[in-house]
Amino acid sequence: MARIADLLAAGRTYSFEFFPPKTDGAQLTLGRTIAELEPLTPSFVSVTYGAGGSTRDRTREVVTWVRKETSITPMAHLTCVGHTRDQIAQILDDYAAAASSTSSPSAATRPPTRPMPSRATTCTRST
């Protein structure tokens, strides 16, 4: 699987982005949809993380499935806000163990009047 940075550096790309499913049925539907899109040969697909990490496990499941069952490069979004450094390290280790090729660290946008929680971390590592 290609690294996203390499794909972007090589020139024009296109991708599909999906929200993680909330139910098992929706996860099956998403899997069928991704399989139907595979012949279009997207550069990669990405799966968002969900507000506050509420669908973290579903994101990991979908990204791992795409990696193992399709020829498409998957990218997992990762929201660092609300997690400790140890939790972020564990999440990244889980992706590495599942052989997921990349992750896309991001931070949730907060209004200026609400400071970032002290547990917030900055993601600098990608698998």
Protein backbone atom coordinates (compact mmCIF):
# COMPACT_ATOMS: atom_id res chain seq x y z
CA MET A 1 0.00 0.00 0.00
CA ALA A 2 1.17 3.46 -0.86
CA ARG A 3 1.70 6.17 1.74
CA ILE A 4 -0.69 9.10 1.36
CA ALA A 5 2.17 11.63 1.33
CA ASP A 6 3.75 9.76 -1.60
CA LEU A 7 0.46 9.67 -3.50
CA LEU A 8 -0.04 13.41 -3.04
CA ALA A 9 3.54 14.20 -4.01
CA ALA A 10 3.20 12.17 -7.21
CA GLY A 11 0.51 14.41 -8.67
CA ARG A 12 -3.25 14.61 -9.00
CA THR A 13 -5.24 12.31 -6.76
CA TYR A 14 -8.83 11.68 -5.88
CA SER A 15 -10.32 9.90 -2.93
CA PHE A 16 -13.52 9.08 -1.12
CA GLU A 17 -14.16 9.94 2.50
CA PHE A 18 -16.57 8.03 4.71
CA PHE A 19 -18.04 8.51 8.14
CA PRO A 20 -17.67 5.44 10.35
CA PRO A 21 -20.92 3.48 10.53
CA LYS A 22 -22.89 3.46 13.75
CA THR A 23 -24.41 -0.02 13.38
CA ASP A 24 -23.36 -3.44 12.14
CA GLY A 25 -25.85 -3.18 9.27
CA ALA A 26 -24.47 0.17 8.21
CA GLN A 27 -20.96 -1.28 8.36
CA LEU A 28 -21.97 -4.05 5.94
CA THR A 29 -23.53 -1.48 3.61
CA LEU A 30 -20.37 0.63 3.73
CA GLY A 31 -18.26 -2.41 2.90
CA ARG A 32 -20.41 -3.15 -0.15
CA THR A 33 -20.21 0.51 -1.21
CA ILE A 34 -16.43 0.58 -0.96
CA ALA A 35 -16.22 -2.67 -2.94
CA GLU A 36 -18.44 -1.14 -5.65
CA LEU A 37 -16.20 1.95 -5.80
CA GLU A 38 -12.97 -0.06 -6.02
CA PRO A 39 -13.09 -0.40 -9.86
CA LEU A 40 -12.93 3.41 -10.06
CA THR A 41 -9.38 3.10 -8.64
CA PRO A 42 -9.42 5.97 -6.15
CA SER A 43 -6.01 7.07 -4.91
CA PHE A 44 -7.16 6.26 -1.39
CA VAL A 45 -10.20 6.25 0.88
CA SER A 46 -10.37 7.89 4.27
CA VAL A 47 -12.56 7.17 7.27
CA THR A 48 -13.32 9.96 9.74
CA TYR A 49 -13.04 9.50 13.48
CA GLY A 50 -16.33 10.71 14.88
CA ALA A 51 -16.90 13.54 17.32
CA GLY A 52 -14.84 13.04 20.43
CA GLY A 53 -13.70 9.62 19.23
CA SER A 54 -17.16 8.13 19.67
CA THR A 55 -16.74 5.83 16.68
CA ARG A 56 -13.02 5.13 17.10
CA ASP A 57 -13.47 1.35 17.01
CA ARG A 58 -15.64 1.48 13.89
CA THR A 59 -13.05 3.65 12.15
CA ARG A 60 -10.36 1.09 12.96
CA GLU A 61 -12.55 -1.81 11.80
CA VAL A 62 -13.37 -0.18 8.45
CA VAL A 63 -9.78 0.90 7.76
CA THR A 64 -8.46 -2.54 8.65
CA TRP A 65 -11.05 -4.20 6.39
CA VAL A 66 -10.20 -1.91 3.46
CA ARG A 67 -6.50 -2.66 3.96
CA LYS A 68 -6.98 -6.43 4.04
CA GLU A 69 -9.85 -6.94 1.58
CA THR A 70 -9.34 -4.37 -1.19
CA SER A 71 -6.55 -2.92 -3.29
CA ILE A 72 -7.39 0.61 -2.09
CA THR A 73 -5.03 2.44 0.25
CA PRO A 74 -6.95 3.35 3.43
CA MET A 75 -6.38 6.38 5.62
CA ALA A 76 -7.74 6.68 9.14
CA HIS A 77 -8.54 10.08 10.60
CA LEU A 78 -7.42 10.46 14.19
CA THR A 79 -8.69 13.19 16.49
CA CYS A 80 -6.22 13.74 19.30
CA VAL A 81 -8.35 16.06 21.42
CA GLY A 82 -9.78 14.28 24.44
CA HIS A 83 -7.13 11.56 24.50
CA THR A 84 -3.99 11.24 26.56
CA ARG A 85 -0.61 10.72 24.91
CA ASP A 86 -0.74 7.09 26.02
CA GLN A 87 -4.14 6.58 24.39
CA ILE A 88 -2.92 8.12 21.12
CA ALA A 89 0.18 5.92 21.21
CA GLN A 90 -2.02 2.84 21.75
CA ILE A 91 -4.33 3.78 18.87
CA LEU A 92 -1.34 4.24 16.54
CA ASP A 93 0.16 0.96 17.73
CA ASP A 94 -3.18 -0.76 16.99
CA TYR A 95 -3.13 0.60 13.43
CA ALA A 96 0.47 -0.49 12.95
CA ALA A 97 -0.38 -3.98 14.20
CA ALA A 98 -3.30 -4.16 11.79
CA ALA A 99 -0.96 -3.13 8.97
CA SER A 100 -2.89 0.02 8.22
CA SER A 101 -0.68 2.11 6.01
CA THR A 102 -1.38 5.64 7.17
CA SER A 103 -3.21 7.88 9.56
CA SER A 104 -4.21 11.50 9.39
CA PRO A 105 -3.85 13.28 12.74
CA SER A 106 -6.18 16.18 13.30
CA ALA A 107 -7.44 18.35 16.11
CA ALA A 108 -11.02 19.29 16.75
CA THR A 109 -11.83 22.93 16.22
CA ARG A 110 -12.80 24.67 19.43
CA PRO A 111 -14.17 28.18 19.85
CA PRO A 112 -11.51 30.61 21.15
CA THR A 113 -13.39 30.99 24.44
CA ARG A 114 -12.97 27.29 25.23
CA PRO A 115 -9.38 26.32 25.98
CA MET A 116 -8.04 22.98 24.92
CA PRO A 117 -8.28 20.43 27.75
CA SER A 118 -5.04 19.67 29.54
CA ARG A 119 -5.23 16.08 28.30
CA ALA A 120 -5.02 17.24 24.68
CA THR A 121 -2.01 16.12 22.73
CA THR A 122 -0.48 16.97 19.43
CA CYS A 123 -0.14 14.09 17.02
CA THR A 124 3.16 13.95 15.24
CA ARG A 125 3.52 10.25 14.49
CA SER A 126 2.08 8.34 11.60
CA THR A 127 2.24 4.62 11.03
